[in-house]
Amino acid sequence: MFKTKIFNKANPKSITIAQRLTGLIWLQYLLFDNFKEIIFLRKGTFFNRGLYNFIGNFDFLFSSNFWNSFRILLFTILVLYILKLNHKHFFIFLVLIYFYEMFKKGFGGHIDHRITTLFLFTLILNISVQGKNQNTQTSLVPPVCFFFFQYTCIGLARLINGFPELFRDDIFSRWLIQRSMRPNYFELQFGQLLVENIEGIYLSSLFLILTFVELFTILLLFTGRKIMRYALVVHILAHLSIFILMGINFTENVLILVMLIYLDRENNDSL
């Protein structure tokens, strides 16, 4: 009844493409991440628990020379992985990037959820493709299953926590105004402009529709190729709209969505 149709026409070369594209997504993250901010962190802002208890006394961790060298190391290992697809290189990179993300948060016990998504997606991908007896579809489905499921969880959590008031009142309009007033990438205020020109009921209705799209994302594993492609395009447009209207950046999610559309093309012979 529930037969997975995604990647049913993929070939072994699809795995190589997926790994390299995922590496390139990490590469753009390293290129555009505000790396210089980490140099201004001070010991007093860190949490004295967990791993920090073992490394917090090393003064070199708070020097610009160390982090400049660390960034070069990250780039080197990542480029080696993209070129050679050596799993050891990538697992070393994931350990180092996790340390980097934890350090940015002062070892507070969490990292940005957009990076958590990319981190887990790439980790699952590189684990699932190592089985020599697995076919291409079996290797590619696990990371996609995780990626889809996190959208379903977001939609479910939003319904549980806010239905029906979240979609009936002007809460979404208030979010748009609040985010427009905060500093953002290009000082965009399109969210406030949208609220001033469109009735709140229409914005709330659109928000409800997008929530249901998220809720049923996991079912895309069992739908036809065209339906999945249209749904992924909706997700891409939603993320781009969130960036333009609210200044929230989900570049990594957008790039993963584009990659999935490309990999699950009907004709994969030209990959």
Protein backbone atom coordinates (compact mmCIF):
# COMPACT_ATOMS: atom_id res chain seq x y z
CA MET A 1 0.00 0.00 0.00
CA PHE A 2 2.70 2.47 1.04
CA LYS A 3 5.37 1.88 -1.54
CA THR A 4 8.10 4.47 -1.78
CA LYS A 5 8.28 5.92 -5.27
CA ILE A 6 10.92 8.57 -4.71
CA PHE A 7 14.23 7.92 -6.52
CA ASN A 8 12.86 4.77 -8.15
CA LYS A 9 14.58 5.78 -11.39
CA ALA A 10 17.84 6.91 -9.82
CA ASN A 11 21.14 5.26 -10.72
CA PRO A 12 24.43 4.83 -8.81
CA LYS A 13 25.70 8.11 -10.21
CA SER A 14 22.84 9.82 -8.36
CA ILE A 15 24.53 8.94 -5.06
CA THR A 16 27.76 10.60 -6.16
CA ILE A 17 25.85 13.69 -7.29
CA ALA A 18 23.95 13.83 -3.97
CA GLN A 19 27.15 13.64 -1.93
CA ARG A 20 28.94 16.31 -3.94
CA LEU A 21 25.96 18.65 -3.97
CA THR A 22 25.59 18.25 -0.21
CA GLY A 23 29.26 19.11 0.18
CA LEU A 24 28.74 22.22 -1.95
CA ILE A 25 25.83 23.27 0.29
CA TRP A 26 28.24 23.14 3.23
CA LEU A 27 30.80 25.06 1.20
CA GLN A 28 28.42 27.96 0.58
CA TYR A 29 27.56 27.96 4.29
CA LEU A 30 31.22 28.34 5.24
CA LEU A 31 31.71 31.06 2.64
CA PHE A 32 28.78 33.21 3.78
CA ASP A 33 28.69 32.49 7.51
CA ASN A 34 29.63 35.52 9.59
CA PHE A 35 32.83 33.89 10.74
CA LYS A 36 34.39 37.02 12.22
CA GLU A 37 31.81 37.17 15.03
CA ILE A 38 33.38 34.18 16.74
CA ILE A 39 36.59 36.13 17.34
CA PHE A 40 34.77 38.58 19.63
CA LEU A 41 33.41 35.91 21.99
CA ARG A 42 34.71 36.04 25.54
CA LYS A 43 34.98 33.36 28.20
CA GLY A 44 32.40 35.06 30.39
CA THR A 45 29.68 34.33 27.82
CA PHE A 46 30.26 30.54 27.86
CA PHE A 47 28.43 27.85 29.84
CA ASN A 48 30.68 25.90 32.19
CA ARG A 49 29.30 22.46 31.47
CA GLY A 50 29.81 19.47 29.20
CA LEU A 51 32.71 19.59 26.77
CA TYR A 52 33.57 23.14 27.75
CA ASN A 53 34.76 21.90 31.15
CA PHE A 54 37.62 20.14 29.38
CA ILE A 55 38.63 22.86 26.93
CA GLY A 56 37.62 26.13 28.57
CA ASN A 57 41.06 26.80 30.07
CA PHE A 58 42.82 26.89 26.68
CA ASP A 59 43.32 30.57 25.89
CA PHE A 60 44.24 29.87 22.27
CA LEU A 61 40.58 28.98 21.59
CA PHE A 62 39.77 32.66 21.93
CA SER A 63 42.38 33.92 19.49
CA SER A 64 41.81 35.03 15.89
CA ASN A 65 44.84 33.04 14.69
CA PHE A 66 43.31 29.78 15.91
CA TRP A 67 39.93 30.36 14.25
CA ASN A 68 41.45 31.57 10.99
CA SER A 69 43.49 28.36 10.88
CA PHE A 70 40.44 26.34 11.90
CA ARG A 71 38.41 27.77 9.04
CA ILE A 72 41.15 26.94 6.54
CA LEU A 73 41.17 23.39 7.91
CA LEU A 74 37.40 23.11 7.45
CA PHE A 75 37.64 24.31 3.85
CA THR A 76 40.52 21.92 3.10
CA ILE A 77 38.77 18.83 4.47
CA LEU A 78 35.49 19.73 2.77
CA VAL A 79 37.12 20.31 -0.63
CA LEU A 80 38.98 16.99 -0.30
CA TYR A 81 35.68 15.26 0.38
CA ILE A 82 33.94 16.89 -2.59
CA LEU A 83 36.79 15.83 -4.89
CA LYS A 84 37.44 12.32 -3.56
CA LEU A 85 34.21 11.43 -1.67
CA ASN A 86 36.20 9.86 1.14
CA HIS A 87 33.77 9.22 4.01
CA LYS A 88 36.50 9.65 6.61
CA HIS A 89 37.10 13.19 5.41
CA PHE A 90 33.45 14.04 5.75
CA PHE A 91 32.99 12.52 9.19
CA ILE A 92 36.02 14.48 10.39
CA PHE A 93 34.45 17.59 8.88
CA LEU A 94 31.15 16.93 10.68
CA VAL A 95 32.93 16.56 14.04
CA LEU A 96 34.82 19.82 13.49
CA ILE A 97 31.78 21.74 12.24
CA TYR A 98 29.79 20.54 15.25
CA PHE A 99 32.51 21.85 17.54
CA TYR A 100 32.44 25.15 15.64
CA GLU A 101 28.65 25.45 15.96
CA MET A 102 28.74 24.60 19.67
CA PHE A 103 31.47 27.16 20.25
CA LYS A 104 29.42 29.87 18.50
CA LYS A 105 26.61 29.19 21.00
CA GLY A 106 28.92 29.21 24.00
CA PHE A 107 28.30 25.47 24.54
CA GLY A 108 24.76 26.30 25.58
CA GLY A 109 23.50 22.90 24.48
CA HIS A 110 22.07 23.70 21.06
CA ILE A 111 22.93 24.88 17.55
CA ASP A 112 20.84 26.71 14.94
CA HIS A 113 18.08 24.42 13.70
CA ARG A 114 18.74 25.25 10.04
CA ILE A 115 22.27 23.90 10.50
CA THR A 116 20.96 20.98 12.54
CA THR A 117 18.81 19.99 9.56
CA LEU A 118 21.76 20.13 7.15
CA PHE A 119 24.02 18.34 9.65
CA LEU A 120 21.64 15.42 10.20
CA PHE A 121 20.72 15.20 6.51
CA THR A 122 24.37 14.85 5.48
CA LEU A 123 25.19 12.49 8.34
CA ILE A 124 22.31 10.14 7.45
CA LEU A 125 23.18 10.36 3.75
CA ASN A 126 26.82 9.37 4.28
CA ILE A 127 25.86 6.51 6.59
CA SER A 128 23.12 5.13 4.32
CA VAL A 129 25.25 5.08 1.14
CA GLN A 130 27.95 2.90 2.68
CA GLY A 131 26.00 -0.36 2.43
CA LYS A 132 27.51 -2.26 -0.49
CA ASN A 133 24.44 -4.41 -1.05
CA GLN A 134 21.93 -1.55 -1.03
CA ASN A 135 20.41 -0.23 -4.23
CA THR A 136 20.34 3.45 -5.11
CA GLN A 137 16.81 4.09 -3.91
CA THR A 138 17.43 2.44 -0.54
CA SER A 139 20.54 4.56 -0.05
CA LEU A 140 18.91 7.90 -0.86
CA VAL A 141 15.55 7.50 0.88
CA PRO A 142 16.70 7.67 4.58
CA PRO A 143 18.06 11.26 4.53
CA VAL A 144 15.05 12.41 2.50
CA CYS A 145 12.70 10.67 4.93
CA PHE A 146 14.30 12.61 7.79
CA PHE A 147 14.16 15.85 5.82
CA PHE A 148 10.46 15.43 5.01
CA PHE A 149 9.58 14.26 8.52
CA GLN A 150 10.96 17.40 10.16
CA TYR A 151 8.55 19.49 8.06
CA THR A 152 5.69 17.22 9.15
CA CYS A 153 6.69 17.70 12.80
CA ILE A 154 6.73 21.49 12.33
CA GLY A 155 3.23 21.47 10.85
CA LEU A 156 1.94 19.11 13.54
CA ALA A 157 3.45 21.18 16.36
CA ARG A 158 1.94 24.37 14.96
CA LEU A 159 -1.53 22.79 14.82
CA ILE A 160 -1.26 21.34 18.32
CA ASN A 161 0.02 24.54 19.88
CA GLY A 162 -2.09 27.09 18.08
CA PHE A 163 -5.17 25.71 16.33
CA PRO A 164 -7.57 27.38 15.71
CA GLU A 165 -6.59 30.77 17.22
CA LEU A 166 -3.23 30.90 15.43
CA PHE A 167 -4.99 30.85 12.07
CA ARG A 168 -8.05 32.87 13.02
CA ASP A 169 -6.63 35.92 14.74
CA ASP A 170 -4.11 38.42 13.36
CA ILE A 171 -1.12 36.63 14.89
CA PHE A 172 0.55 35.98 11.53
CA SER A 173 0.14 39.64 10.56
CA ARG A 174 1.78 40.65 13.83
CA TRP A 175 4.70 38.30 13.12
CA LEU A 176 5.23 39.95 9.75
CA ILE A 177 5.26 43.42 11.31
CA GLN A 178 7.58 42.39 14.15
CA ARG A 179 10.08 40.74 11.81
CA SER A 180 10.01 43.76 9.50
CA MET A 181 10.96 46.00 12.42
CA ARG A 182 13.98 43.88 13.36
CA PRO A 183 17.37 44.30 11.70
CA ASN A 184 17.59 41.97 8.71
CA TYR A 185 19.88 41.25 5.79
CA PHE A 186 18.80 44.07 3.49
CA GLU A 187 16.59 46.14 5.83
CA LEU A 188 13.57 44.76 3.99
CA GLN A 189 10.11 45.83 5.16
CA PHE A 190 8.00 43.93 2.67
CA GLY A 191 6.21 42.12 5.49
CA GLN A 192 4.83 45.35 6.90
CA LEU A 193 3.94 46.51 3.38
CA LEU A 194 2.04 43.26 2.82
CA VAL A 195 0.07 43.63 6.04
CA GLU A 196 -0.90 47.19 5.12
CA ASN A 197 -2.32 46.14 1.75
CA ILE A 198 -3.84 42.67 2.31
CA GLU A 199 -6.58 41.71 4.76
CA GLY A 200 -5.40 39.60 7.69
CA ILE A 201 -7.91 36.84 6.93
CA TYR A 202 -6.21 36.15 3.60
CA LEU A 203 -2.76 36.04 5.19
CA SER A 204 -4.00 33.69 7.94
CA SER A 205 -5.65 31.44 5.34
CA LEU A 206 -2.41 31.23 3.38
CA PHE A 207 -0.56 30.43 6.60
CA LEU A 208 -3.03 27.60 7.30
CA ILE A 209 -2.57 26.17 3.78
CA LEU A 210 1.22 26.20 4.15
CA THR A 211 0.89 24.51 7.53
CA PHE A 212 -1.07 21.63 5.97
CA VAL A 213 1.50 21.38 3.18
CA GLU A 214 4.15 20.94 5.89
CA LEU A 215 1.99 18.48 7.82
CA PHE A 216 1.61 16.11 4.86
CA THR A 217 5.19 16.45 3.56
CA ILE A 218 6.15 12.98 4.80
CA LEU A 219 3.49 11.50 2.49
CA LEU A 220 5.46 12.78 -0.51
CA LEU A 221 7.51 9.61 -0.16
CA PHE A 222 4.51 7.70 -1.47
CA THR A 223 3.10 10.08 -4.07
CA GLY A 224 3.87 10.45 -7.73
CA ARG A 225 6.88 12.35 -8.99
CA LYS A 226 4.88 15.34 -10.25
CA ILE A 227 3.02 15.81 -6.97
CA MET A 228 6.27 15.69 -5.04
CA ARG A 229 7.90 18.19 -7.38
CA TYR A 230 5.02 20.66 -7.03
CA ALA A 231 5.04 20.31 -3.25
CA LEU A 232 8.80 20.90 -3.07
CA VAL A 233 8.42 24.00 -5.24
CA VAL A 234 5.80 25.26 -2.76
CA HIS A 235 8.31 24.71 0.06
CA ILE A 236 10.98 26.61 -1.87
CA LEU A 237 8.62 29.53 -2.53
CA ALA A 238 7.57 29.50 1.13
CA HIS A 239 11.19 29.71 2.32
CA LEU A 240 11.97 32.50 -0.15
CA SER A 241 8.87 34.37 1.01
CA ILE A 242 9.89 33.96 4.65
CA PHE A 243 13.27 35.46 3.78
CA ILE A 244 11.84 38.40 1.85
CA LEU A 245 8.96 39.14 4.23
CA MET A 246 10.52 38.23 7.59
CA GLY A 247 14.29 38.21 7.03
CA ILE A 248 14.65 34.58 8.18
CA ASN A 249 17.29 32.71 6.22
CA PHE A 250 16.78 29.06 5.21
CA THR A 251 19.32 28.90 2.39
CA GLU A 252 20.41 25.36 3.23
CA ASN A 253 16.84 24.01 3.19
CA VAL A 254 16.16 25.69 -0.16
CA LEU A 255 19.31 24.18 -1.67
CA ILE A 256 18.41 20.70 -0.37
CA LEU A 257 14.93 21.05 -1.88
CA VAL A 258 16.40 22.10 -5.24
CA MET A 259 18.80 19.16 -5.07
CA LEU A 260 15.97 16.68 -4.44
CA ILE A 261 14.00 18.00 -7.42
CA TYR A 262 17.09 17.59 -9.59
CA LEU A 263 17.96 14.10 -8.34
CA ASP A 264 14.43 12.75 -8.73
CA ARG A 265 14.04 13.74 -12.34
CA GLU A 266 12.16 11.26 -14.50
CA ASN A 267 15.18 10.76 -16.74
CA ASN A 268 18.33 10.27 -14.67
CA ASP A 269 20.47 8.85 -17.44
CA SER A 270 22.04 12.26 -18.05
CA LEU A 271 23.08 12.75 -14.44
